[in-house]
């Protein structure tokens, strides 16, 4: 973002360790924790470092298991 606009993001959202750098530059950052193996593929192993960083930095963490009532709407096909 900075390379294109010359500004750091105010808001950033991510869901994996590769998003840490982007989230660190934002004023408000949130991390989606893929922890619901029943309704969606849980890949918490790809997000261990980002989850630890979120806790350390005070980012908002959104749990797919605890915070979402719907992951995929019924009737939608890919």
N, C-alpha and C. Protein backbone atom coordinates (compact mmCIF):
# COMPACT_ATOMS: atom_id res chain seq x y z
N UNK A 1 0.82 -1.18 0.00
CA UNK A 1 0.00 0.00 0.00
C UNK A 1 0.86 1.25 0.00
N UNK A 2 1.87 1.29 0.85
CA UNK A 2 2.71 2.48 0.95
C UNK A 2 3.39 2.81 -0.38
N UNK A 3 3.82 1.79 -1.10
CA UNK A 3 4.51 2.01 -2.37
C UNK A 3 3.60 2.68 -3.40
N UNK A 4 2.32 2.43 -3.33
CA UNK A 4 1.38 3.01 -4.29
C UNK A 4 0.85 4.37 -3.87
N UNK A 5 0.57 4.55 -2.59
CA UNK A 5 -0.09 5.77 -2.13
C UNK A 5 0.82 6.71 -1.34
N UNK A 6 1.91 6.18 -0.82
CA UNK A 6 2.76 6.98 0.04
C UNK A 6 2.21 7.12 1.45
N UNK A 7 1.18 6.35 1.74
CA UNK A 7 0.54 6.40 3.06
C UNK A 7 0.42 4.99 3.63
N UNK A 8 0.47 4.92 4.94
CA UNK A 8 0.25 3.64 5.61
C UNK A 8 -1.24 3.42 5.78
N UNK A 9 -1.69 2.16 5.83
CA UNK A 9 -3.12 1.91 5.95
C UNK A 9 -3.66 2.27 7.33
N UNK A 10 -4.88 2.76 7.35
CA UNK A 10 -5.57 2.98 8.63
C UNK A 10 -6.14 1.68 9.14
N UNK A 11 -6.59 0.83 8.23
CA UNK A 11 -7.30 -0.40 8.56
C UNK A 11 -6.72 -1.54 7.73
N UNK A 12 -6.47 -2.68 8.35
CA UNK A 12 -5.99 -3.85 7.62
C UNK A 12 -6.54 -5.10 8.27
N UNK A 13 -6.86 -6.08 7.45
CA UNK A 13 -7.33 -7.36 7.94
C UNK A 13 -6.53 -8.47 7.30
N UNK A 14 -6.26 -9.49 8.07
CA UNK A 14 -5.49 -10.62 7.55
C UNK A 14 -5.94 -11.91 8.17
N UNK A 15 -5.34 -13.02 7.69
CA UNK A 15 -5.73 -14.32 8.22
C UNK A 15 -4.58 -15.32 8.26
N UNK A 16 -3.35 -14.87 8.07
CA UNK A 16 -2.23 -15.80 8.06
C UNK A 16 -0.94 -15.08 8.44
N UNK A 17 0.09 -15.87 8.67
CA UNK A 17 1.38 -15.31 9.07
C UNK A 17 1.95 -14.36 8.03
N UNK A 18 1.66 -14.57 6.76
CA UNK A 18 2.19 -13.69 5.71
C UNK A 18 1.60 -12.28 5.78
N UNK A 19 0.58 -12.07 6.58
CA UNK A 19 -0.07 -10.76 6.70
C UNK A 19 0.49 -9.92 7.85
N UNK A 20 1.41 -10.45 8.61
CA UNK A 20 1.92 -9.75 9.80
C UNK A 20 2.46 -8.37 9.46
N UNK A 21 3.30 -8.28 8.47
CA UNK A 21 3.92 -6.99 8.13
C UNK A 21 2.86 -5.95 7.78
N UNK A 22 1.86 -6.34 6.99
CA UNK A 22 0.80 -5.42 6.62
C UNK A 22 0.02 -4.97 7.87
N UNK A 23 -0.30 -5.92 8.74
CA UNK A 23 -1.07 -5.61 9.93
C UNK A 23 -0.30 -4.70 10.88
N UNK A 24 1.02 -4.86 10.93
CA UNK A 24 1.84 -4.03 11.82
C UNK A 24 1.83 -2.56 11.41
N UNK A 25 1.58 -2.27 10.15
CA UNK A 25 1.62 -0.88 9.68
C UNK A 25 0.30 -0.15 9.87
N UNK A 26 -0.78 -0.88 10.12
CA UNK A 26 -2.11 -0.27 10.20
C UNK A 26 -2.39 0.27 11.60
N UNK A 27 -3.21 1.30 11.66
CA UNK A 27 -3.66 1.81 12.96
C UNK A 27 -4.65 0.85 13.61
N UNK A 28 -5.53 0.26 12.80
CA UNK A 28 -6.48 -0.73 13.31
C UNK A 28 -6.27 -2.00 12.51
N UNK A 29 -5.97 -3.09 13.22
CA UNK A 29 -5.72 -4.37 12.55
C UNK A 29 -6.61 -5.44 13.15
N UNK A 30 -7.10 -6.31 12.27
CA UNK A 30 -7.84 -7.47 12.77
C UNK A 30 -7.34 -8.71 12.08
N UNK A 31 -7.40 -9.82 12.80
CA UNK A 31 -6.93 -11.10 12.30
C UNK A 31 -8.08 -12.10 12.39
N UNK A 32 -8.37 -12.76 11.28
CA UNK A 32 -9.38 -13.82 11.27
C UNK A 32 -8.68 -15.12 11.64
N UNK A 33 -9.13 -15.75 12.70
CA UNK A 33 -8.57 -17.01 13.17
C UNK A 33 -9.42 -18.15 12.59
N UNK A 34 -8.84 -18.93 11.70
CA UNK A 34 -9.54 -20.05 11.05
C UNK A 34 -9.52 -21.26 11.99
N UNK A 35 -10.39 -21.24 12.97
CA UNK A 35 -10.40 -22.26 14.02
C UNK A 35 -11.67 -23.10 14.02
N UNK A 36 -12.37 -23.16 12.91
CA UNK A 36 -13.63 -23.90 12.83
C UNK A 36 -13.53 -25.02 11.80
N UNK A 37 -13.00 -26.15 12.22
CA UNK A 37 -12.82 -27.28 11.31
C UNK A 37 -14.14 -27.90 10.88
N UNK A 38 -15.19 -27.65 11.61
CA UNK A 38 -16.50 -28.22 11.26
C UNK A 38 -17.12 -27.50 10.06
N UNK A 39 -17.11 -26.17 10.07
CA UNK A 39 -17.77 -25.40 9.01
C UNK A 39 -16.83 -24.88 7.94
N UNK A 40 -15.53 -24.88 8.22
CA UNK A 40 -14.57 -24.34 7.26
C UNK A 40 -13.23 -24.98 7.56
N UNK A 41 -12.39 -25.11 6.56
CA UNK A 41 -11.09 -25.72 6.75
C UNK A 41 -10.31 -24.94 7.81
N UNK A 42 -9.94 -25.59 8.88
CA UNK A 42 -9.18 -24.94 9.95
C UNK A 42 -7.70 -25.03 9.64
N UNK A 43 -7.07 -23.91 9.47
CA UNK A 43 -5.63 -23.93 9.24
C UNK A 43 -4.93 -23.02 10.23
N UNK A 44 -5.12 -23.35 11.49
CA UNK A 44 -4.48 -22.57 12.54
C UNK A 44 -2.96 -22.73 12.51
N UNK A 45 -2.46 -23.81 11.90
CA UNK A 45 -1.02 -24.01 11.83
C UNK A 45 -0.35 -22.96 10.95
N UNK A 46 -1.08 -22.39 10.01
CA UNK A 46 -0.52 -21.35 9.14
C UNK A 46 -0.67 -19.97 9.76
N UNK A 47 -1.22 -19.93 10.97
CA UNK A 47 -1.46 -18.64 11.59
C UNK A 47 -0.96 -18.53 13.01
N UNK A 48 -0.08 -19.42 13.41
CA UNK A 48 0.39 -19.39 14.80
C UNK A 48 1.16 -18.12 15.13
N UNK A 49 2.07 -17.72 14.25
CA UNK A 49 2.87 -16.51 14.50
C UNK A 49 1.99 -15.27 14.47
N UNK A 50 1.04 -15.22 13.54
CA UNK A 50 0.17 -14.04 13.45
C UNK A 50 -0.75 -13.95 14.67
N UNK A 51 -1.22 -15.08 15.17
CA UNK A 51 -2.07 -15.07 16.36
C UNK A 51 -1.27 -14.61 17.58
N UNK A 52 -0.04 -15.07 17.71
CA UNK A 52 0.81 -14.63 18.82
C UNK A 52 1.09 -13.13 18.71
N UNK A 53 1.35 -12.65 17.50
CA UNK A 53 1.62 -11.22 17.29
C UNK A 53 0.37 -10.40 17.59
N UNK A 54 -0.81 -10.91 17.22
CA UNK A 54 -2.07 -10.21 17.48
C UNK A 54 -2.28 -10.03 18.98
N UNK A 55 -2.01 -11.06 19.73
CA UNK A 55 -2.15 -10.98 21.19
C UNK A 55 -1.15 -9.98 21.76
N UNK A 56 0.09 -10.06 21.27
CA UNK A 56 1.15 -9.15 21.74
C UNK A 56 0.84 -7.69 21.42
N UNK A 57 0.29 -7.42 20.23
CA UNK A 57 0.06 -6.04 19.77
C UNK A 57 -1.34 -5.52 20.08
N UNK A 58 -2.24 -6.38 20.58
CA UNK A 58 -3.58 -5.94 20.90
C UNK A 58 -4.51 -5.81 19.70
N UNK A 59 -4.21 -6.55 18.62
CA UNK A 59 -5.09 -6.52 17.46
C UNK A 59 -6.39 -7.25 17.78
N UNK A 60 -7.43 -6.92 17.07
CA UNK A 60 -8.71 -7.61 17.22
C UNK A 60 -8.60 -8.97 16.54
N UNK A 61 -8.95 -10.03 17.27
CA UNK A 61 -8.93 -11.38 16.71
C UNK A 61 -10.37 -11.85 16.57
N UNK A 62 -10.72 -12.30 15.37
CA UNK A 62 -12.07 -12.78 15.08
C UNK A 62 -12.00 -14.29 14.91
N UNK A 63 -12.70 -15.01 15.76
CA UNK A 63 -12.74 -16.47 15.71
C UNK A 63 -13.87 -16.92 14.79
N UNK A 64 -13.55 -17.74 13.80
CA UNK A 64 -14.60 -18.25 12.92
C UNK A 64 -15.56 -19.14 13.72
N UNK A 65 -15.03 -19.86 14.70
CA UNK A 65 -15.86 -20.77 15.50
C UNK A 65 -16.76 -20.02 16.47
N UNK A 66 -16.23 -19.00 17.14
CA UNK A 66 -16.97 -18.35 18.20
C UNK A 66 -17.69 -17.06 17.79
N UNK A 67 -17.21 -16.39 16.74
CA UNK A 67 -17.74 -15.08 16.40
C UNK A 67 -18.62 -15.04 15.16
N UNK A 68 -18.61 -16.08 14.34
CA UNK A 68 -19.42 -16.09 13.11
C UNK A 68 -20.58 -17.07 13.26
N UNK A 69 -21.77 -16.60 12.99
CA UNK A 69 -22.91 -17.52 13.00
C UNK A 69 -23.03 -18.23 11.66
N UNK A 70 -22.57 -17.59 10.57
CA UNK A 70 -22.60 -18.20 9.25
C UNK A 70 -21.23 -18.05 8.60
N UNK A 71 -20.69 -19.16 8.10
CA UNK A 71 -19.43 -19.10 7.39
C UNK A 71 -19.71 -19.08 5.89
N UNK A 72 -20.52 -20.03 5.43
CA UNK A 72 -20.94 -20.08 4.04
C UNK A 72 -22.47 -20.05 4.02
N UNK A 73 -23.05 -19.16 3.23
CA UNK A 73 -24.50 -19.10 3.13
C UNK A 73 -25.02 -20.33 2.39
N UNK A 74 -26.17 -20.82 2.81
CA UNK A 74 -26.73 -22.00 2.15
C UNK A 74 -27.20 -21.62 0.75
N UNK A 75 -27.13 -22.56 -0.17
CA UNK A 75 -27.57 -22.33 -1.53
C UNK A 75 -26.54 -21.73 -2.44
N UNK A 76 -25.36 -21.42 -1.91
CA UNK A 76 -24.31 -20.84 -2.75
C UNK A 76 -23.41 -21.96 -3.24
N UNK A 77 -23.18 -21.99 -4.53
CA UNK A 77 -22.29 -23.00 -5.10
C UNK A 77 -21.11 -22.32 -5.77
N UNK A 78 -20.00 -23.00 -5.78
CA UNK A 78 -18.79 -22.42 -6.37
C UNK A 78 -18.72 -22.73 -7.85
